[in-house]
Amino acid sequence: MSHTGVEVFDFLLYTIYPVIGIFLVEIVSRLVKSPKWIKLWIQAIVSIGFGIYYWFILPAPQNFPLTAMVMFALGLALIYQGRRAKISPDKSPY
């Protein structure tokens, strides 16, 4: 029994899902050889999507507002890095 309303196994799955989503975007973008900035912006969309899901869609005792804020911050960082990669692709190591 957990004090947060979420079992430990479910919490581990909730932390693994965004990582899987971001890695899947990475794998697909490498297979289709898409530009770096497109890959980074799609990863930002995935990150922001998980943030919205964790904060607004999960029911109240099971939502994760702190995790959602981290996902939003990661999404903003990925958008910034994608913009940098679009402006000068040779200076972007991603």
PDB file of N, CA and C in Angstrom:
ATOM      1  N   MET A   1       0.840  -1.184   0.000  1.00  0.00           N
ATOM      2  CA  MET A   1       0.000   0.000   0.000  1.00  0.00           C
ATOM      3  C   MET A   1       0.883   1.245   0.000  1.00  0.00           C
ATOM      4  N   SER A   2       0.604   2.157  -0.871  1.00  0.00           N
ATOM      5  CA  SER A   2       1.432   3.351  -0.964  1.00  0.00           C
ATOM      6  C   SER A   2       0.693   4.551  -0.379  1.00  0.00           C
ATOM      7  N   HIS A   3       1.437   5.533   0.046  1.00  0.00           N
ATOM      8  CA  HIS A   3       0.826   6.725   0.631  1.00  0.00           C
ATOM      9  C   HIS A   3       0.488   7.781  -0.418  1.00  0.00           C
ATOM     10  N   THR A   4       0.923   7.593  -1.648  1.00  0.00           N
ATOM     11  CA  THR A   4       0.634   8.570  -2.701  1.00  0.00           C
ATOM     12  C   THR A   4      -0.508   8.136  -3.610  1.00  0.00           C
ATOM     13  N   GLY A   5      -1.010   6.939  -3.433  1.00  0.00           N
ATOM     14  CA  GLY A   5      -2.071   6.448  -4.297  1.00  0.00           C
ATOM     15  C   GLY A   5      -1.557   5.737  -5.534  1.00  0.00           C
ATOM     16  N   VAL A   6      -0.243   5.652  -5.690  1.00  0.00           N
ATOM     17  CA  VAL A   6       0.356   4.991  -6.846  1.00  0.00           C
ATOM     18  C   VAL A   6       1.291   3.901  -6.338  1.00  0.00           C
ATOM     19  N   GLU A   7       1.118   2.711  -6.860  1.00  0.00           N
ATOM     20  CA  GLU A   7       1.989   1.610  -6.473  1.00  0.00           C
ATOM     21  C   GLU A   7       3.382   1.817  -7.046  1.00  0.00           C
ATOM     22  N   VAL A   8       4.368   1.182  -6.449  1.00  0.00           N
ATOM     23  CA  VAL A   8       5.763   1.368  -6.855  1.00  0.00           C
ATOM     24  C   VAL A   8       5.979   0.933  -8.302  1.00  0.00           C
ATOM     25  N   PHE A   9       5.410  -0.191  -8.685  1.00  0.00           N
ATOM     26  CA  PHE A   9       5.579  -0.668 -10.060  1.00  0.00           C
ATOM     27  C   PHE A   9       4.968   0.311 -11.060  1.00  0.00           C
ATOM     28  N   ASP A  10       3.788   0.834 -10.741  1.00  0.00           N
ATOM     29  CA  ASP A  10       3.156   1.820 -11.625  1.00  0.00           C
ATOM     30  C   ASP A  10       4.000   3.082 -11.718  1.00  0.00           C
ATOM     31  N   PHE A  11       4.584   3.500 -10.601  1.00  0.00           N
ATOM     32  CA  PHE A  11       5.435   4.687 -10.618  1.00  0.00           C
ATOM     33  C   PHE A  11       6.651   4.465 -11.511  1.00  0.00           C
ATOM     34  N   LEU A  12       7.240   3.289 -11.444  1.00  0.00           N
ATOM     35  CA  LEU A  12       8.373   2.983 -12.317  1.00  0.00           C
ATOM     36  C   LEU A  12       7.962   3.023 -13.781  1.00  0.00           C
ATOM     37  N   LEU A  13       6.779   2.498 -14.083  1.00  0.00           N
ATOM     38  CA  LEU A  13       6.304   2.552 -15.472  1.00  0.00           C
ATOM     39  C   LEU A  13       6.070   3.993 -15.915  1.00  0.00           C
ATOM     40  N   TYR A  14       5.518   4.819 -15.026  1.00  0.00           N
ATOM     41  CA  TYR A  14       5.281   6.225 -15.379  1.00  0.00           C
ATOM     42  C   TYR A  14       6.593   6.965 -15.636  1.00  0.00           C
ATOM     43  N   THR A  15       7.667   6.537 -15.019  1.00  0.00           N
ATOM     44  CA  THR A  15       8.951   7.192 -15.282  1.00  0.00           C
ATOM     45  C   THR A  15       9.636   6.629 -16.528  1.00  0.00           C
ATOM     46  N   ILE A  16       9.316   5.393 -16.881  1.00  0.00           N
ATOM     47  CA  ILE A  16       9.959   4.772 -18.041  1.00  0.00           C
ATOM     48  C   ILE A  16       9.285   5.174 -19.355  1.00  0.00           C
ATOM     49  N   TYR A  17       7.970   5.407 -19.342  1.00  0.00           N
ATOM     50  CA  TYR A  17       7.246   5.723 -20.579  1.00  0.00           C
ATOM     51  C   TYR A  17       7.815   6.923 -21.340  1.00  0.00           C
ATOM     52  N   PRO A  18       8.101   8.063 -20.688  1.00  0.00           N
ATOM     53  CA  PRO A  18       8.669   9.183 -21.460  1.00  0.00           C
ATOM     54  C   PRO A  18      10.033   8.860 -22.058  1.00  0.00           C
ATOM     55  N   VAL A  19      10.830   8.099 -21.331  1.00  0.00           N
ATOM     56  CA  VAL A  19      12.154   7.720 -21.844  1.00  0.00           C
ATOM     57  C   VAL A  19      12.000   6.856 -23.089  1.00  0.00           C
ATOM     58  N   ILE A  20      11.073   5.920 -23.046  1.00  0.00           N
ATOM     59  CA  ILE A  20      10.821   5.064 -24.208  1.00  0.00           C
ATOM     60  C   ILE A  20      10.351   5.908 -25.396  1.00  0.00           C
ATOM     61  N   GLY A  21       9.453   6.855 -25.141  1.00  0.00           N
ATOM     62  CA  GLY A  21       8.953   7.714 -26.215  1.00  0.00           C
ATOM     63  C   GLY A  21      10.052   8.530 -26.868  1.00  0.00           C
ATOM     64  N   ILE A  22      10.923   9.111 -26.042  1.00  0.00           N
ATOM     65  CA  ILE A  22      12.007   9.941 -26.576  1.00  0.00           C
ATOM     66  C   ILE A  22      13.024   9.075 -27.334  1.00  0.00           C
ATOM     67  N   PHE A  23      13.319   7.879 -26.816  1.00  0.00           N
ATOM     68  CA  PHE A  23      14.239   6.987 -27.522  1.00  0.00           C
ATOM     69  C   PHE A  23      13.644   6.478 -28.833  1.00  0.00           C
ATOM     70  N   LEU A  24      12.344   6.228 -28.860  1.00  0.00           N
ATOM     71  CA  LEU A  24      11.719   5.789 -30.112  1.00  0.00           C
ATOM     72  C   LEU A  24      11.812   6.871 -31.187  1.00  0.00           C
ATOM     73  N   VAL A  25      11.620   8.116 -30.785  1.00  0.00           N
ATOM     74  CA  VAL A  25      11.774   9.217 -31.739  1.00  0.00           C
ATOM     75  C   VAL A  25      13.219   9.261 -32.243  1.00  0.00           C
ATOM     76  N   GLU A  26      14.174   9.055 -31.353  1.00  0.00           N
ATOM     77  CA  GLU A  26      15.591   9.046 -31.738  1.00  0.00           C
ATOM     78  C   GLU A  26      15.871   7.933 -32.748  1.00  0.00           C
ATOM     79  N   ILE A  27      15.372   6.738 -32.488  1.00  0.00           N
ATOM     80  CA  ILE A  27      15.623   5.602 -33.372  1.00  0.00           C
ATOM     81  C   ILE A  27      14.991   5.831 -34.745  1.00  0.00           C
ATOM     82  N   VAL A  28      13.733   6.270 -34.756  1.00  0.00           N
ATOM     83  CA  VAL A  28      13.051   6.488 -36.033  1.00  0.00           C
ATOM     84  C   VAL A  28      13.725   7.599 -36.822  1.00  0.00           C
ATOM     85  N   SER A  29      14.139   8.673 -36.135  1.00  0.00           N
ATOM     86  CA  SER A  29      14.784   9.771 -36.858  1.00  0.00           C
ATOM     87  C   SER A  29      16.134   9.356 -37.438  1.00  0.00           C
ATOM     88  N   ARG A  30      16.822   8.455 -36.765  1.00  0.00           N
ATOM     89  CA  ARG A  30      18.075   7.959 -37.339  1.00  0.00           C
ATOM     90  C   ARG A  30      17.821   7.035 -38.523  1.00  0.00           C
ATOM     91  N   LEU A  31      16.746   6.244 -38.450  1.00  0.00           N
ATOM     92  CA  LEU A  31      16.442   5.345 -39.562  1.00  0.00           C
ATOM     93  C   LEU A  31      16.032   6.106 -40.818  1.00  0.00           C
ATOM     94  N   VAL A  32      15.256   7.174 -40.652  1.00  0.00           N
ATOM     95  CA  VAL A  32      14.812   7.934 -41.821  1.00  0.00           C
ATOM     96  C   VAL A  32      15.741   9.100 -42.141  1.00  0.00           C
ATOM     97  N   LYS A  33      16.777   9.271 -41.326  1.00  0.00           N
ATOM     98  CA  LYS A  33      17.792  10.320 -41.514  1.00  0.00           C
ATOM     99  C   LYS A  33      17.160  11.716 -41.601  1.00  0.00           C
ATOM    100  N   SER A  34      16.325  12.010 -40.614  1.00  0.00           N
ATOM    101  CA  SER A  34      15.691  13.332 -40.577  1.00  0.00           C
ATOM    102  C   SER A  34      16.664  14.361 -40.002  1.00  0.00           C
ATOM    103  N   PRO A  35      16.457  15.630 -40.297  1.00  0.00           N
ATOM    104  CA  PRO A  35      17.321  16.674 -39.729  1.00  0.00           C
ATOM    105  C   PRO A  35      17.239  16.687 -38.202  1.00  0.00           C
ATOM    106  N   LYS A  36      18.311  17.162 -37.592  1.00  0.00           N
ATOM    107  CA  LYS A  36      18.385  17.176 -36.126  1.00  0.00           C
ATOM    108  C   LYS A  36      17.287  18.016 -35.499  1.00  0.00           C
ATOM    109  N   TRP A  37      16.968  19.142 -36.120  1.00  0.00           N
ATOM    110  CA  TRP A  37      16.004  20.031 -35.501  1.00  0.00           C
ATOM    111  C   TRP A  37      14.600  19.427 -35.504  1.00  0.00           C
ATOM    112  N   ILE A  38      14.276  18.657 -36.526  1.00  0.00           N
ATOM    113  CA  ILE A  38      12.970  17.991 -36.551  1.00  0.00           C
ATOM    114  C   ILE A  38      12.902  16.941 -35.456  1.00  0.00           C
ATOM    115  N   LYS A  39      13.981  16.180 -35.307  1.00  0.00           N
ATOM    116  CA  LYS A  39      14.030  15.168 -34.251  1.00  0.00           C
ATOM    117  C   LYS A  39      13.859  15.810 -32.881  1.00  0.00           C
ATOM    118  N   LEU A  40      14.566  16.903 -32.630  1.00  0.00           N
ATOM    119  CA  LEU A  40      14.494  17.564 -31.335  1.00  0.00           C
ATOM    120  C   LEU A  40      13.112  18.148 -31.079  1.00  0.00           C
ATOM    121  N   TRP A  41      12.476  18.703 -32.098  1.00  0.00           N
ATOM    122  CA  TRP A  41      11.143  19.272 -31.913  1.00  0.00           C
ATOM    123  C   TRP A  41      10.094  18.182 -31.693  1.00  0.00           C
ATOM    124  N   ILE A  42      10.244  17.044 -32.342  1.00  0.00           N
ATOM    125  CA  ILE A  42       9.314  15.935 -32.099  1.00  0.00           C
ATOM    126  C   ILE A  42       9.515  15.387 -30.692  1.00  0.00           C
ATOM    127  N   GLN A  43      10.768  15.306 -30.240  1.00  0.00           N
ATOM    128  CA  GLN A  43      11.013  14.887 -28.863  1.00  0.00           C
ATOM    129  C   GLN A  43      10.417  15.889 -27.874  1.00  0.00           C
ATOM    130  N   ALA A  44      10.442  17.173 -28.206  1.00  0.00           N
ATOM    131  CA  ALA A  44       9.819  18.181 -27.351  1.00  0.00           C
ATOM    132  C   ALA A  44       8.309  17.975 -27.303  1.00  0.00           C
ATOM    133  N   ILE A  45       7.705  17.665 -28.425  1.00  0.00           N
ATOM    134  CA  ILE A  45       6.262  17.413 -28.452  1.00  0.00           C
ATOM    135  C   ILE A  45       5.919  16.195 -27.597  1.00  0.00           C
ATOM    136  N   VAL A  46       6.725  15.149 -27.690  1.00  0.00           N
ATOM    137  CA  VAL A  46       6.507  13.956 -26.867  1.00  0.00           C
ATOM    138  C   VAL A  46       6.631  14.310 -25.391  1.00  0.00           C
ATOM    139  N   SER A  47       7.644  15.066 -25.044  1.00  0.00           N
ATOM    140  CA  SER A  47       7.859  15.458 -23.653  1.00  0.00           C
ATOM    141  C   SER A  47       6.709  16.308 -23.121  1.00  0.00           C
ATOM    142  N   ILE A  48       6.279  17.286 -23.879  1.00  0.00           N
ATOM    143  CA  ILE A  48       5.166  18.142 -23.453  1.00  0.00           C
ATOM    144  C   ILE A  48       3.873  17.328 -23.394  1.00  0.00           C
ATOM    145  N   GLY A  49       3.699  16.389 -24.296  1.00  0.00           N
ATOM    146  CA  GLY A  49       2.525  15.522 -24.266  1.00  0.00           C
ATOM    147  C   GLY A  49       2.460  14.698 -22.987  1.00  0.00           C
ATOM    148  N   PHE A  50       3.596  14.137 -22.577  1.00  0.00           N
ATOM    149  CA  PHE A  50       3.621  13.401 -21.316  1.00  0.00           C
ATOM    150  C   PHE A  50       3.379  14.334 -20.129  1.00  0.00           C
ATOM    151  N   GLY A  51       3.887  15.557 -20.197  1.00  0.00           N
ATOM    152  CA  GLY A  51       3.629  16.520 -19.125  1.00  0.00           C
ATOM    153  C   GLY A  51       2.150  16.828 -18.995  1.00  0.00           C
ATOM    154  N   ILE A  52       1.490  17.020 -20.119  1.00  0.00           N
ATOM    155  CA  ILE A  52       0.045  17.276 -20.096  1.00  0.00           C
ATOM    156  C   ILE A  52      -0.696  16.060 -19.547  1.00  0.00           C
ATOM    157  N   TYR A  53      -0.299  14.896 -19.969  1.00  0.00           N
ATOM    158  CA  TYR A  53      -0.964  13.682 -19.481  1.00  0.00           C
ATOM    159  C   TYR A  53      -0.774  13.519 -17.977  1.00  0.00           C
ATOM    160  N   TYR A  54       0.445  13.705 -17.507  1.00  0.00           N
ATOM    161  CA  TYR A  54       0.729  13.503 -16.088  1.00  0.00           C
ATOM    162  C   TYR A  54       0.040  14.526 -15.200  1.00  0.00           C
ATOM    163  N   TRP A  55      -0.147  15.744 -15.686  1.00  0.00           N
ATOM    164  CA  TRP A  55      -0.717  16.775 -14.833  1.00  0.00           C
ATOM    165  C   TRP A  55      -2.243  16.864 -14.948  1.00  0.00           C
ATOM    166  N   PHE A  56      -2.747  16.762 -16.174  1.00  0.00           N
ATOM    167  CA  PHE A  56      -4.160  17.068 -16.387  1.00  0.00           C
ATOM    168  C   PHE A  56      -5.051  15.854 -16.633  1.00  0.00           C
ATOM    169  N   ILE A  57      -4.520  14.755 -17.114  1.00  0.00           N
ATOM    170  CA  ILE A  57      -5.376  13.627 -17.488  1.00  0.00           C
ATOM    171  C   ILE A  57      -5.431  12.561 -16.398  1.00  0.00           C
ATOM    172  N   LEU A  58      -4.308  12.305 -15.733  1.00  0.00           N
ATOM    173  CA  LEU A  58      -4.344  11.327 -14.650  1.00  0.00           C
ATOM    174  C   LEU A  58      -5.246  11.825 -13.529  1.00  0.00           C
ATOM    175  N   PRO A  59      -5.978  10.934 -12.845  1.00  0.00           N
ATOM    176  CA  PRO A  59      -6.835  11.382 -11.753  1.00  0.00           C
ATOM    177  C   PRO A  59      -6.026  11.957 -10.587  1.00  0.00           C
ATOM    178  N   ALA A  60      -6.701  12.728  -9.747  1.00  0.00           N
ATOM    179  CA  ALA A  60      -6.057  13.550  -8.720  1.00  0.00           C
ATOM    180  C   ALA A  60      -5.064  12.827  -7.804  1.00  0.00           C
ATOM    181  N   PRO A  61      -5.367  11.702  -7.202  1.00  0.00           N
ATOM    182  CA  PRO A  61      -4.327  11.156  -6.321  1.00  0.00           C
ATOM    183  C   PRO A  61      -3.160  10.543  -7.067  1.00  0.00           C
ATOM    184  N   GLN A  62      -3.314  10.330  -8.383  1.00  0.00           N
ATOM    185  CA  GLN A  62      -2.258   9.687  -9.154  1.00  0.00           C
ATOM    186  C   GLN A  62      -1.539  10.633 -10.100  1.00  0.00           C
ATOM    187  N   ASN A  63      -1.878  11.902 -10.093  1.00  0.00           N
ATOM    188  CA  ASN A  63      -1.190  12.792 -11.015  1.00  0.00           C
ATOM    189  C   ASN A  63       0.164  13.205 -10.446  1.00  0.00           C
ATOM    190  N   PHE A  64       1.038  13.646 -11.322  1.00  0.00           N
ATOM    191  CA  PHE A  64       2.406  13.987 -10.949  1.00  0.00           C
ATOM    192  C   PHE A  64       2.731  15.393 -11.419  1.00  0.00           C
ATOM    193  N   PRO A  65       2.322  16.433 -10.684  1.00  0.00           N
ATOM    194  CA  PRO A  65       2.582  17.793 -11.166  1.00  0.00           C
ATOM    195  C   PRO A  65       4.072  18.132 -11.226  1.00  0.00           C
ATOM    196  N   LEU A  66       4.869  17.625 -10.307  1.00  0.00           N
ATOM    197  CA  LEU A  66       6.300  17.920 -10.350  1.00  0.00           C
ATOM    198  C   LEU A  66       6.955  17.259 -11.557  1.00  0.00           C
ATOM    199  N   THR A  67       6.590  16.027 -11.819  1.00  0.00           N
ATOM    200  CA  THR A  67       7.114  15.334 -12.999  1.00  0.00           C
ATOM    201  C   THR A  67       6.659  16.033 -14.267  1.00  0.00           C
ATOM    202  N   ALA A  68       5.423  16.514 -14.269  1.00  0.00           N
ATOM    203  CA  ALA A  68       4.917  17.240 -15.432  1.00  0.00           C
ATOM    204  C   ALA A  68       5.705  18.517 -15.665  1.00  0.00           C
ATOM    205  N   MET A  69       6.053  19.229 -14.588  1.00  0.00           N
ATOM    206  CA  MET A  69       6.853  20.452 -14.742  1.00  0.00           C
ATOM    207  C   MET A  69       8.230  20.134 -15.315  1.00  0.00           C
ATOM    208  N   VAL A  70       8.813  19.011 -14.893  1.00  0.00           N
ATOM    209  CA  VAL A  70      10.112  18.599 -15.447  1.00  0.00           C
ATOM    210  C   VAL A  70       9.967  18.271 -16.929  1.00  0.00           C
ATOM    211  N   MET A  71       8.871  17.619 -17.302  1.00  0.00           N
ATOM    212  CA  MET A  71       8.645  17.295 -18.714  1.00  0.00           C
ATOM    213  C   MET A  71       8.451  18.567 -19.541  1.00  0.00           C
ATOM    214  N   PHE A  72       7.746  19.564 -18.983  1.00  0.00           N
ATOM    215  CA  PHE A  72       7.583  20.840 -19.687  1.00  0.00           C
ATOM    216  C   PHE A  72       8.935  21.540 -19.850  1.00  0.00           C
ATOM    217  N   ALA A  73       9.766  21.517 -18.798  1.00  0.00           N
ATOM    218  CA  ALA A  73      11.088  22.145 -18.883  1.00  0.00           C
ATOM    219  C   ALA A  73      11.957  21.434 -19.915  1.00  0.00           C
ATOM    220  N   LEU A  74      11.886  20.108 -19.944  1.00  0.00           N
ATOM    221  CA  LEU A  74      12.638  19.352 -20.945  1.00  0.00           C
ATOM    222  C   LEU A  74      12.150  19.688 -22.343  1.00  0.00           C
ATOM    223  N   GLY A  75      10.832  19.825 -22.508  1.00  0.00           N
ATOM    224  CA  GLY A  75      10.278  20.196 -23.802  1.00  0.00           C
ATOM    225  C   GLY A  75      10.773  21.551 -24.271  1.00  0.00           C
ATOM    226  N   LEU A  76      10.808  22.516 -23.359  1.00  0.00           N
ATOM    227  CA  LEU A  76      11.320  23.848 -23.718  1.00  0.00           C
ATOM    228  C   LEU A  76      12.800  23.799 -24.090  1.00  0.00           C
ATOM    229  N   ALA A  77      13.578  23.017 -23.341  1.00  0.00           N
ATOM    230  CA  ALA A  77      15.005  22.884 -23.659  1.00  0.00           C
ATOM    231  C   ALA A  77      15.197  22.229 -25.026  1.00  0.00           C
ATOM    232  N   LEU A  78      14.375  21.230 -25.342  1.00  0.00           N
ATOM    233  CA  LEU A  78      14.486  20.574 -26.644  1.00  0.00           C
ATOM    234  C   LEU A  78      14.080  21.507 -27.781  1.00  0.00           C
ATOM    235  N   ILE A  79      13.076  22.347 -27.544  1.00  0.00           N
ATOM    236  CA  ILE A  79      12.690  23.331 -28.562  1.00  0.00           C
ATOM    237  C   ILE A  79      13.837  24.308 -28.806  1.00  0.00           C
ATOM    238  N   TYR A  80      14.473  24.761 -27.735  1.00  0.00           N
ATOM    239  CA  TYR A  80      15.610  25.684 -27.877  1.00  0.00           C
ATOM    240  C   TYR A  80      16.753  25.015 -28.640  1.00  0.00           C
ATOM    241  N   GLN A  81      17.080  23.775 -28.277  1.00  0.00           N
ATOM    242  CA  GLN A  81      18.170  23.075 -28.961  1.00  0.00           C
ATOM    243  C   GLN A  81      17.811  22.807 -30.422  1.00  0.00           C
ATOM    244  N   GLY A  82      16.542  22.531 -30.698  1.00  0.00           N
ATOM    245  CA  GLY A  82      16.115  22.343 -32.081  1.00  0.00           C
ATOM    246  C   GLY A  82      16.248  23.617 -32.889  1.00  0.00           C
ATOM    247  N   ARG A  83      15.943  24.738 -32.253  1.00  0.00           N
ATOM    248  CA  ARG A  83      16.098  26.030 -32.937  1.00  0.00           C
ATOM    249  C   ARG A  83      17.570  26.292 -33.242  1.00  0.00           C
ATOM    250  N   ARG A  84      18.440  25.987 -32.259  1.00  0.00           N
ATOM    251  CA  ARG A  84      19.883  26.142 -32.497  1.00  0.00           C
ATOM    252  C   ARG A  84      20.355  25.229 -33.619  1.00  0.00           C
ATOM    253  N   ALA A  85      19.840  23.995 -33.635  1.00  0.00           N
ATOM    254  CA  ALA A  85      20.248  23.045 -34.673  1.00  0.00           C
ATOM    255  C   ALA A  85      19.736  23.470 -36.045  1.00  0.00           C
ATOM    256  N   LYS A  86      18.591  24.147 -36.094  1.00  0.00           N
ATOM    257  CA  LYS A  86      18.056  24.599 -37.372  1.00  0.00           C
ATOM    258  C   LYS A  86      18.863  25.774 -37.912  1.00  0.00           C
ATOM    259  N   ILE A  87      19.287  26.665 -37.019  1.00  0.00           N
ATOM    260  CA  ILE A  87      20.039  27.848 -37.442  1.00  0.00           C
ATOM    261  C   ILE A  87      21.439  27.466 -37.911  1.00  0.00           C
ATOM    262  N   SER A  88      22.140  26.651 -37.117  1.00  0.00           N
ATOM    263  CA  SER A  88      23.492  26.234 -37.515  1.00  0.00           C
ATOM    264  C   SER A  88      23.671  24.745 -37.187  1.00  0.00           C
ATOM    265  N   PRO A  89      23.360  23.877 -38.140  1.00  0.00           N
ATOM    266  CA  PRO A  89      23.429  22.445 -37.897  1.00  0.00           C
ATOM    267  C   PRO A  89      24.831  21.922 -37.574  1.00  0.00           C
ATOM    268  N   ASP A  90      25.858  22.595 -38.077  1.00  0.00           N
ATOM    269  CA  ASP A  90      27.219  22.117 -37.823  1.00  0.00           C
ATOM    270  C   ASP A  90      27.660  22.368 -36.378  1.00  0.00           C
ATOM    271  N   LYS A  91      27.032  23.280 -35.677  1.00  0.00           N
ATOM    272  CA  LYS A  91      27.389  23.561 -34.284  1.00  0.00           C
ATOM    273  C   LYS A  91      26.549  22.770 -33.283  1.00  0.00           C
ATOM    274  N   SER A  92      25.622  21.981 -33.762  1.00  0.00           N
ATOM    275  CA  SER A  92      24.744  21.206 -32.885  1.00  0.00           C
ATOM    276  C   SER A  92      25.242  19.759 -32.790  1.00  0.00           C
ATOM    277  N   PRO A  93      25.640  19.323 -31.594  1.00  0.00           N
ATOM    278  CA  PRO A  93      26.163  17.963 -31.468  1.00  0.00           C
ATOM    279  C   PRO A  93      25.098  16.886 -31.330  1.00  0.00           C
ATOM    280  N   TYR A  94      23.827  17.226 -31.419  1.00  0.00           N
ATOM    281  CA  TYR A  94      22.760  16.267 -31.127  1.00  0.00           C
ATOM    282  C   TYR A  94      22.345  15.507 -32.361  1.00  0.00           C
TER     283      TYR A  94
END
